[in-house]
Amino acid sequence: MCGRFAVTTDPALLAQKIKAIDEATGTAPDVGAPNYNVAPTSTIATVVTRHAQPAESGVDPTRRVRLMRWGVIPPWAKAGPDGTPEGKGPLLINARADKVTSSPAFRSSAKSKRCLIPMDGYYEWRVNSDGADKKSRKTPFFMYREDGEPLLMAGLWSVWKPKDQKDARPLLSCTIITTDAPGELAEIHDRMPLVVPERDWDRWLNPDAPVDEELLTRAPDVRGIRMREVSTLVNSIRNNGPELLEPVEPQSEQMKLL
């Protein structure tokens, strides 16, 4: 799974880098500020491809950087007294690659609302072998690209509005697709976010094309990804700074995936 990640790239710079329209800057407080400990329900930058106008034909869709809530709001979610979704049920922060086209929570989004979720890297926790009970200490690791470029993960997004409030502002939310982790990554955790290589960005994002089943089912390409043990400070979402990414001493040797 993916339950925590880091992102330090400003949305405006990201938009410039990937040739997208920046629709994020200026829309919420702290947009562009580095976040070294992104947690579920946080507002995050995503990349989508949309037409200039809904259902517009004859116009090429364009990439756009938009802010969304991490954790998909399912279409059946009811509104609470304040008009926001009720917090009942699990947080849908992850979607299994093998179930996105069949799950009631995700299959509608899989048809035309696919996104990319940029991050510097993600955290995962390895259960220590020195303790079999549930209280045994877990060791956090950070997975990232060795060339320093952002990772863009496959995601899905949705639009939610209270049914009885037609003028309410729509809430955009997203989930990160996960797949089986290969090789040494599987020694940390058996699941990982689904990395989308640049050559597949347009195909994945295209709202006029069917979902890329081959991308969902093939083994992820993890060449160039490194992992390092990091401090247990990341265990608490109250901690948020560059020190979370620093290798732990004296076990700071980086392990490169072959």
C-alpha atoms as a PDB file:
ATOM      1  CA  MET A   1       0.000   0.000   0.000  1.00  0.00           C
ATOM      2  CA  CYS A   2       0.982   3.657   0.038  1.00  0.00           C
ATOM      3  CA  GLY A   3      -0.017   5.519   3.171  1.00  0.00           C
ATOM      4  CA  ARG A   4       2.548   8.294   3.333  1.00  0.00           C
ATOM      5  CA  PHE A   5       4.774  10.146   0.864  1.00  0.00           C
ATOM      6  CA  ALA A   6       6.828  13.291   0.357  1.00  0.00           C
ATOM      7  CA  VAL A   7       6.458  16.019  -2.258  1.00  0.00           C
ATOM      8  CA  THR A   8       8.549  19.188  -2.494  1.00  0.00           C
ATOM      9  CA  THR A   9       8.007  20.278  -6.106  1.00  0.00           C
ATOM     10  CA  ASP A  10       5.968  23.464  -6.460  1.00  0.00           C
ATOM     11  CA  PRO A  11       2.852  22.842  -8.620  1.00  0.00           C
ATOM     12  CA  ALA A  12       3.721  25.773 -10.877  1.00  0.00           C
ATOM     13  CA  LEU A  13       7.181  24.361 -11.533  1.00  0.00           C
ATOM     14  CA  LEU A  14       5.706  20.912 -12.067  1.00  0.00           C
ATOM     15  CA  ALA A  15       3.238  22.303 -14.600  1.00  0.00           C
ATOM     16  CA  GLN A  16       6.037  24.027 -16.463  1.00  0.00           C
ATOM     17  CA  LYS A  17       8.173  20.892 -16.441  1.00  0.00           C
ATOM     18  CA  ILE A  18       5.499  18.559 -17.816  1.00  0.00           C
ATOM     19  CA  LYS A  19       3.889  21.167 -20.105  1.00  0.00           C
ATOM     20  CA  ALA A  20       0.613  21.408 -18.221  1.00  0.00           C
ATOM     21  CA  ILE A  21      -1.759  24.203 -17.224  1.00  0.00           C
ATOM     22  CA  ASP A  22      -1.333  25.184 -13.568  1.00  0.00           C
ATOM     23  CA  GLU A  23      -4.776  25.211 -11.942  1.00  0.00           C
ATOM     24  CA  ALA A  24      -3.422  24.713  -8.418  1.00  0.00           C
ATOM     25  CA  THR A  25      -1.438  27.832  -7.534  1.00  0.00           C
ATOM     26  CA  GLY A  26      -3.452  30.339  -5.542  1.00  0.00           C
ATOM     27  CA  THR A  27      -6.404  28.034  -4.912  1.00  0.00           C
ATOM     28  CA  ALA A  28      -5.539  26.956  -1.347  1.00  0.00           C
ATOM     29  CA  PRO A  29      -3.242  27.967   1.520  1.00  0.00           C
ATOM     30  CA  ASP A  30       0.303  26.575   1.550  1.00  0.00           C
ATOM     31  CA  VAL A  31       0.117  25.404  -2.071  1.00  0.00           C
ATOM     32  CA  GLY A  32       3.677  24.865  -3.190  1.00  0.00           C
ATOM     33  CA  ALA A  33       5.103  24.466   0.308  1.00  0.00           C
ATOM     34  CA  PRO A  34       7.217  21.309   0.692  1.00  0.00           C
ATOM     35  CA  ASN A  35       5.422  18.492   2.491  1.00  0.00           C
ATOM     36  CA  TYR A  36       7.735  15.768   3.736  1.00  0.00           C
ATOM     37  CA  ASN A  37       4.994  13.754   5.421  1.00  0.00           C
ATOM     38  CA  VAL A  38       1.865  13.734   3.270  1.00  0.00           C
ATOM     39  CA  ALA A  39      -0.914  11.889   5.072  1.00  0.00           C
ATOM     40  CA  PRO A  40      -4.397  10.745   3.994  1.00  0.00           C
ATOM     41  CA  THR A  41      -7.015  13.520   3.592  1.00  0.00           C
ATOM     42  CA  SER A  42      -4.254  16.020   2.744  1.00  0.00           C
ATOM     43  CA  THR A  43      -4.757  18.297  -0.244  1.00  0.00           C
ATOM     44  CA  ILE A  44      -2.276  17.277  -2.928  1.00  0.00           C
ATOM     45  CA  ALA A  45      -1.362  18.218  -6.491  1.00  0.00           C
ATOM     46  CA  THR A  46      -2.419  15.822  -9.238  1.00  0.00           C
ATOM     47  CA  VAL A  47      -2.080  15.761 -13.019  1.00  0.00           C
ATOM     48  CA  VAL A  48      -5.145  15.194 -15.198  1.00  0.00           C
ATOM     49  CA  THR A  49      -5.971  15.573 -18.877  1.00  0.00           C
ATOM     50  CA  ARG A  50      -9.261  17.283 -19.662  1.00  0.00           C
ATOM     51  CA  HIS A  51     -11.010  19.068 -22.519  1.00  0.00           C
ATOM     52  CA  ALA A  52     -11.352  22.838 -22.420  1.00  0.00           C
ATOM     53  CA  GLN A  53     -15.066  22.356 -21.753  1.00  0.00           C
ATOM     54  CA  PRO A  54     -16.936  19.282 -20.506  1.00  0.00           C
ATOM     55  CA  ALA A  55     -17.888  16.909 -23.334  1.00  0.00           C
ATOM     56  CA  GLU A  56     -16.306  19.226 -25.896  1.00  0.00           C
ATOM     57  CA  SER A  57     -15.557  17.442 -29.149  1.00  0.00           C
ATOM     58  CA  GLY A  58     -12.959  18.233 -31.762  1.00  0.00           C
ATOM     59  CA  VAL A  59     -10.585  19.807 -29.217  1.00  0.00           C
ATOM     60  CA  ASP A  60      -7.460  18.109 -27.977  1.00  0.00           C
ATOM     61  CA  PRO A  61      -7.497  17.627 -24.200  1.00  0.00           C
ATOM     62  CA  THR A  62      -4.724  19.291 -22.206  1.00  0.00           C
ATOM     63  CA  ARG A  63      -2.735  18.353 -19.137  1.00  0.00           C
ATOM     64  CA  ARG A  64      -3.704  20.242 -16.011  1.00  0.00           C
ATOM     65  CA  VAL A  65      -2.293  20.342 -12.478  1.00  0.00           C
ATOM     66  CA  ARG A  66      -5.179  20.325  -9.992  1.00  0.00           C
ATOM     67  CA  LEU A  67      -5.502  20.067  -6.234  1.00  0.00           C
ATOM     68  CA  MET A  68      -7.455  17.159  -4.780  1.00  0.00           C
ATOM     69  CA  ARG A  69      -8.137  15.517  -1.450  1.00  0.00           C
ATOM     70  CA  TRP A  70      -6.189  12.295  -0.978  1.00  0.00           C
ATOM     71  CA  GLY A  71      -8.797   9.617  -0.367  1.00  0.00           C
ATOM     72  CA  VAL A  72     -11.545   9.080  -2.933  1.00  0.00           C
ATOM     73  CA  ILE A  73     -15.046  10.042  -1.865  1.00  0.00           C
ATOM     74  CA  PRO A  74     -17.284   7.233  -3.214  1.00  0.00           C
ATOM     75  CA  PRO A  75     -20.383   8.279  -5.157  1.00  0.00           C
ATOM     76  CA  TRP A  76     -22.713   6.927  -2.476  1.00  0.00           C
ATOM     77  CA  ALA A  77     -21.184   9.015   0.349  1.00  0.00           C
ATOM     78  CA  LYS A  78     -23.730  11.109   2.199  1.00  0.00           C
ATOM     79  CA  ALA A  79     -23.248  14.689   3.310  1.00  0.00           C
ATOM     80  CA  GLY A  80     -22.957  15.563   6.965  1.00  0.00           C
ATOM     81  CA  PRO A  81     -24.640  18.550   8.668  1.00  0.00           C
ATOM     82  CA  ASP A  82     -21.876  20.852   7.439  1.00  0.00           C
ATOM     83  CA  GLY A  83     -22.246  19.745   3.828  1.00  0.00           C
ATOM     84  CA  THR A  84     -19.015  17.759   3.759  1.00  0.00           C
ATOM     85  CA  PRO A  85     -18.859  13.975   3.295  1.00  0.00           C
ATOM     86  CA  GLU A  86     -19.556  11.894   6.365  1.00  0.00           C
ATOM     87  CA  GLY A  87     -16.421  10.254   7.718  1.00  0.00           C
ATOM     88  CA  LYS A  88     -17.908   6.777   7.851  1.00  0.00           C
ATOM     89  CA  GLY A  89     -16.135   3.817   6.277  1.00  0.00           C
ATOM     90  CA  PRO A  90     -12.472   3.305   5.366  1.00  0.00           C
ATOM     91  CA  LEU A  91     -10.333   5.978   3.733  1.00  0.00           C
ATOM     92  CA  LEU A  92     -10.025   4.988   0.076  1.00  0.00           C
ATOM     93  CA  ILE A  93      -6.447   6.197  -0.312  1.00  0.00           C
ATOM     94  CA  ASN A  94      -5.335   3.158  -2.342  1.00  0.00           C
ATOM     95  CA  ALA A  95      -6.905   1.091  -5.120  1.00  0.00           C
ATOM     96  CA  ARG A  96      -5.583  -2.310  -6.174  1.00  0.00           C
ATOM     97  CA  ALA A  97      -4.568  -2.376  -9.845  1.00  0.00           C
ATOM     98  CA  ASP A  98      -6.331  -5.690 -10.366  1.00  0.00           C
ATOM     99  CA  LYS A  99      -9.651  -4.375  -9.031  1.00  0.00           C
ATOM    100  CA  VAL A 100     -10.013  -0.788 -10.274  1.00  0.00           C
ATOM    101  CA  THR A 101     -12.220  -1.761 -13.226  1.00  0.00           C
ATOM    102  CA  SER A 102     -14.548  -3.923 -11.136  1.00  0.00           C
ATOM    103  CA  SER A 103     -14.731  -2.239  -7.727  1.00  0.00           C
ATOM    104  CA  PRO A 104     -17.915  -0.151  -7.239  1.00  0.00           C
ATOM    105  CA  ALA A 105     -15.812   2.555  -5.600  1.00  0.00           C
ATOM    106  CA  PHE A 106     -13.405   2.943  -8.534  1.00  0.00           C
ATOM    107  CA  ARG A 107     -14.790   1.514 -11.781  1.00  0.00           C
ATOM    108  CA  SER A 108     -16.530   4.722 -12.852  1.00  0.00           C
ATOM    109  CA  SER A 109     -13.351   6.762 -12.351  1.00  0.00           C
ATOM    110  CA  ALA A 110     -11.283   4.129 -14.163  1.00  0.00           C
ATOM    111  CA  LYS A 111     -13.263   4.814 -17.357  1.00  0.00           C
ATOM    112  CA  SER A 112     -12.326   8.473 -17.816  1.00  0.00           C
ATOM    113  CA  LYS A 113     -11.053  10.039 -14.579  1.00  0.00           C
ATOM    114  CA  ARG A 114      -7.475   8.828 -14.349  1.00  0.00           C
ATOM    115  CA  CYS A 115      -4.681  10.946 -12.947  1.00  0.00           C
ATOM    116  CA  LEU A 116      -1.018  11.028 -12.049  1.00  0.00           C
ATOM    117  CA  ILE A 117       0.115  11.783  -8.523  1.00  0.00           C
ATOM    118  CA  PRO A 118       3.605  13.303  -8.356  1.00  0.00           C
ATOM    119  CA  MET A 119       5.870  12.706  -5.386  1.00  0.00           C
ATOM    120  CA  ASP A 120       9.541  12.830  -4.451  1.00  0.00           C
ATOM    121  CA  GLY A 121       9.142   9.359  -3.032  1.00  0.00           C
ATOM    122  CA  TYR A 122       7.039   7.277  -0.692  1.00  0.00           C
ATOM    123  CA  TYR A 123       7.498   5.686   2.719  1.00  0.00           C
ATOM    124  CA  GLU A 124       6.958   2.074   3.616  1.00  0.00           C
ATOM    125  CA  TRP A 125       7.481   0.154   6.852  1.00  0.00           C
ATOM    126  CA  ARG A 126       9.221  -3.202   7.189  1.00  0.00           C
ATOM    127  CA  VAL A 127       8.200  -5.474  10.037  1.00  0.00           C
ATOM    128  CA  ASN A 128      11.310  -6.435  11.987  1.00  0.00           C
ATOM    129  CA  SER A 129      12.087 -10.132  12.113  1.00  0.00           C
ATOM    130  CA  ASP A 130      13.126  -9.934  15.760  1.00  0.00           C
ATOM    131  CA  GLY A 131       9.552  -9.816  16.973  1.00  0.00           C
ATOM    132  CA  ALA A 132       6.511 -11.800  15.913  1.00  0.00           C
ATOM    133  CA  ASP A 133       3.878  -9.960  17.934  1.00  0.00           C
ATOM    134  CA  LYS A 134       1.868  -7.047  16.609  1.00  0.00           C
ATOM    135  CA  LYS A 135       3.699  -4.598  18.858  1.00  0.00           C
ATOM    136  CA  SER A 136       7.085  -5.347  17.324  1.00  0.00           C
ATOM    137  CA  ARG A 137       8.872  -2.267  16.021  1.00  0.00           C
ATOM    138  CA  LYS A 138       8.655  -1.448  12.315  1.00  0.00           C
ATOM    139  CA  THR A 139      11.451   0.191  10.361  1.00  0.00           C
ATOM    140  CA  PRO A 140      10.553   2.991   7.903  1.00  0.00           C
ATOM    141  CA  PHE A 141      12.141   3.235   4.467  1.00  0.00           C
ATOM    142  CA  PHE A 142      11.989   5.934   1.789  1.00  0.00           C
ATOM    143  CA  MET A 143      11.774   4.940  -1.894  1.00  0.00           C
ATOM    144  CA  TYR A 144      12.811   7.498  -4.505  1.00  0.00           C
ATOM    145  CA  ARG A 145      14.365   8.003  -7.957  1.00  0.00           C
ATOM    146  CA  GLU A 146      18.132   8.032  -7.944  1.00  0.00           C
ATOM    147  CA  ASP A 147      18.223  10.877 -10.493  1.00  0.00           C
ATOM    148  CA  GLY A 148      16.217  13.155  -8.191  1.00  0.00           C
ATOM    149  CA  GLU A 149      13.263  13.469 -10.574  1.00  0.00           C
ATOM    150  CA  PRO A 150       9.701  13.104  -9.239  1.00  0.00           C
ATOM    151  CA  LEU A 151       7.875   9.796  -9.385  1.00  0.00           C
ATOM    152  CA  LEU A 152       4.471  10.004 -11.068  1.00  0.00           C
ATOM    153  CA  MET A 153       2.087   7.370  -9.769  1.00  0.00           C
ATOM    154  CA  ALA A 154      -1.107   6.105 -11.363  1.00  0.00           C
ATOM    155  CA  GLY A 155      -4.247   7.351  -9.697  1.00  0.00           C
ATOM    156  CA  LEU A 156      -7.993   7.779 -10.080  1.00  0.00           C
ATOM    157  CA  TRP A 157     -10.119  10.758  -9.153  1.00  0.00           C
ATOM    158  CA  SER A 158     -13.752  11.618  -8.638  1.00  0.00           C
ATOM    159  CA  VAL A 159     -16.104  14.563  -8.209  1.00  0.00           C
ATOM    160  CA  TRP A 160     -18.458  14.623  -5.220  1.00  0.00           C
ATOM    161  CA  LYS A 161     -21.282  17.024  -4.376  1.00  0.00           C
ATOM    162  CA  PRO A 162     -24.096  16.856  -1.809  1.00  0.00           C
ATOM    163  CA  LYS A 163     -27.168  15.615  -3.673  1.00  0.00           C
ATOM    164  CA  ASP A 164     -29.498  18.215  -2.155  1.00  0.00           C
ATOM    165  CA  GLN A 165     -27.153  21.189  -2.663  1.00  0.00           C
ATOM    166  CA  LYS A 166     -26.947  21.980  -6.368  1.00  0.00           C
ATOM    167  CA  ASP A 167     -24.886  25.130  -5.832  1.00  0.00           C
ATOM    168  CA  ALA A 168     -22.341  23.459  -3.581  1.00  0.00           C
ATOM    169  CA  ARG A 169     -18.745  23.532  -4.741  1.00  0.00           C
ATOM    170  CA  PRO A 170     -17.651  20.101  -6.036  1.00  0.00           C
ATOM    171  CA  LEU A 171     -15.042  18.225  -4.029  1.00  0.00           C
ATOM    172  CA  LEU A 172     -12.290  16.574  -6.041  1.00  0.00           C
ATOM    173  CA  SER A 173     -10.652  13.551  -4.450  1.00  0.00           C
ATOM    174  CA  CYS A 174      -8.176  10.926  -5.583  1.00  0.00           C
ATOM    175  CA  THR A 175      -6.653   7.563  -4.803  1.00  0.00           C
ATOM    176  CA  ILE A 176      -3.264   6.000  -5.565  1.00  0.00           C
ATOM    177  CA  ILE A 177      -3.250   2.722  -7.488  1.00  0.00           C
ATOM    178  CA  THR A 178      -1.029   0.013  -6.016  1.00  0.00           C
ATOM    179  CA  THR A 179       0.464  -3.141  -7.481  1.00  0.00           C
ATOM    180  CA  ASP A 180       2.651  -6.075  -6.398  1.00  0.00           C
ATOM    181  CA  ALA A 181       6.106  -4.932  -5.355  1.00  0.00           C
ATOM    182  CA  PRO A 182       8.969  -6.742  -7.115  1.00  0.00           C
ATOM    183  CA  GLY A 183      12.407  -7.813  -5.929  1.00  0.00           C
ATOM    184  CA  GLU A 184      13.949  -6.070  -2.938  1.00  0.00           C
ATOM    185  CA  LEU A 185      10.973  -3.725  -2.626  1.00  0.00           C
ATOM    186  CA  ALA A 186       8.842  -6.721  -1.691  1.00  0.00           C
ATOM    187  CA  GLU A 187      11.163  -7.320   1.263  1.00  0.00           C
ATOM    188  CA  ILE A 188       9.946  -4.016   2.704  1.00  0.00           C
ATOM    189  CA  HIS A 189       6.270  -4.384   1.740  1.00  0.00           C
ATOM    190  CA  ASP A 190       4.408  -6.581  -0.735  1.00  0.00           C
ATOM    191  CA  ARG A 191       2.578  -3.617  -2.321  1.00  0.00           C
ATOM    192  CA  MET A 192       3.803  -0.399  -3.924  1.00  0.00           C
ATOM    193  CA  PRO A 193       2.354   2.551  -5.862  1.00  0.00           C
ATOM    194  CA  LEU A 194       2.079   1.928  -9.604  1.00  0.00           C
ATOM    195  CA  VAL A 195       4.766   4.013 -11.313  1.00  0.00           C
ATOM    196  CA  VAL A 196       3.777   5.403 -14.723  1.00  0.00           C
ATOM    197  CA  PRO A 197       6.772   6.027 -17.028  1.00  0.00           C
ATOM    198  CA  GLU A 198       6.696   9.204 -19.107  1.00  0.00           C
ATOM    199  CA  ARG A 199       6.046   7.288 -22.329  1.00  0.00           C
ATOM    200  CA  ASP A 200       2.687   6.141 -20.879  1.00  0.00           C
ATOM    201  CA  TRP A 201       1.492   9.432 -19.382  1.00  0.00           C
ATOM    202  CA  ASP A 202      -0.707  10.502 -22.293  1.00  0.00           C
ATOM    203  CA  ARG A 203      -2.209   7.068 -22.787  1.00  0.00           C
ATOM    204  CA  TRP A 204      -3.070   6.752 -19.093  1.00  0.00           C
ATOM    205  CA  LEU A 205      -4.529  10.253 -18.767  1.00  0.00           C
ATOM    206  CA  ASN A 206      -6.521  10.365 -22.020  1.00  0.00           C
ATOM    207  CA  PRO A 207     -10.191  10.680 -20.967  1.00  0.00           C
ATOM    208  CA  ASP A 208     -11.348   9.566 -24.427  1.00  0.00           C
ATOM    209  CA  ALA A 209      -9.438   6.259 -24.329  1.00  0.00           C
ATOM    210  CA  PRO A 210     -10.277   3.117 -22.365  1.00  0.00           C
ATOM    211  CA  VAL A 211      -8.231   2.248 -19.314  1.00  0.00           C
ATOM    212  CA  ASP A 212      -4.790   0.853 -20.114  1.00  0.00           C
ATOM    213  CA  GLU A 213      -5.208  -2.741 -18.938  1.00  0.00           C
ATOM    214  CA  GLU A 214      -1.647  -3.607 -19.946  1.00  0.00           C
ATOM    215  CA  LEU A 215      -0.240  -0.929 -17.651  1.00  0.00           C
ATOM    216  CA  LEU A 216      -2.352  -2.227 -14.786  1.00  0.00           C
ATOM    217  CA  THR A 217      -1.244  -5.829 -15.176  1.00  0.00           C
ATOM    218  CA  ARG A 218       2.414  -5.703 -16.164  1.00  0.00           C
ATOM    219  CA  ALA A 219       5.238  -5.821 -13.621  1.00  0.00           C
ATOM    220  CA  PRO A 220       6.294  -2.287 -12.642  1.00  0.00           C
ATOM    221  CA  ASP A 221       9.602  -0.967 -13.940  1.00  0.00           C
ATOM    222  CA  VAL A 222      11.594  -0.074 -10.827  1.00  0.00           C
ATOM    223  CA  ARG A 223      14.985   0.393 -12.441  1.00  0.00           C
ATOM    224  CA  GLY A 224      16.584   3.545 -11.067  1.00  0.00           C
ATOM    225  CA  ILE A 225      14.625   3.454  -7.823  1.00  0.00           C
ATOM    226  CA  ARG A 226      16.588   3.450  -4.587  1.00  0.00           C
ATOM    227  CA  MET A 227      15.501   2.903  -1.021  1.00  0.00           C
ATOM    228  CA  ARG A 228      17.021   3.920   2.270  1.00  0.00           C
ATOM    229  CA  GLU A 229      16.180   3.488   5.905  1.00  0.00           C
ATOM    230  CA  VAL A 230      14.963   6.706   7.519  1.00  0.00           C
ATOM    231  CA  SER A 231      14.130   7.951  10.982  1.00  0.00           C
ATOM    232  CA  THR A 232      11.068   6.801  12.905  1.00  0.00           C
ATOM    233  CA  LEU A 233      10.184  10.499  13.145  1.00  0.00           C
ATOM    234  CA  VAL A 234       8.101   9.873  10.034  1.00  0.00           C
ATOM    235  CA  ASN A 235       5.788   7.667  12.110  1.00  0.00           C
ATOM    236  CA  SER A 236       4.056  10.786  13.448  1.00  0.00           C
ATOM    237  CA  ILE A 237       2.323  13.165  11.044  1.00  0.00           C
ATOM    238  CA  ARG A 238       3.199  15.972  13.478  1.00  0.00           C
ATOM    239  CA  ASN A 239       6.759  15.734  12.156  1.00  0.00           C
ATOM    240  CA  ASN A 240       7.285  17.409   8.807  1.00  0.00           C
ATOM    241  CA  GLY A 241      10.729  18.504   7.673  1.00  0.00           C
ATOM    242  CA  PRO A 242      13.678  17.530   5.453  1.00  0.00           C
ATOM    243  CA  GLU A 243      15.191  15.503   8.277  1.00  0.00           C
ATOM    244  CA  LEU A 244      12.557  12.834   7.561  1.00  0.00           C
ATOM    245  CA  LEU A 245      14.338  12.024   4.306  1.00  0.00           C
ATOM    246  CA  GLU A 246      17.802  11.726   5.803  1.00  0.00           C
ATOM    247  CA  PRO A 247      19.366   8.244   5.957  1.00  0.00           C
ATOM    248  CA  VAL A 248      19.624   6.710   9.395  1.00  0.00           C
ATOM    249  CA  GLU A 249      23.140   6.345  10.762  1.00  0.00           C
ATOM    250  CA  PRO A 250      25.058   4.136  10.910  1.00  0.00           C
ATOM    251  CA  GLN A 251      22.811   2.082   8.593  1.00  0.00           C
ATOM    252  CA  SER A 252      22.818   4.701   5.851  1.00  0.00           C
ATOM    253  CA  GLU A 253      24.062   2.538   3.004  1.00  0.00           C
ATOM    254  CA  GLN A 254      21.704   2.865   0.060  1.00  0.00           C
ATOM    255  CA  MET A 255      20.422  -0.212  -1.667  1.00  0.00           C
ATOM    256  CA  LYS A 256      19.943  -0.020  -5.419  1.00  0.00           C
ATOM    257  CA  LEU A 257      17.287  -2.144  -7.046  1.00  0.00           C
ATOM    258  CA  LEU A 258      18.619  -4.262  -9.884  1.00  0.00           C
END
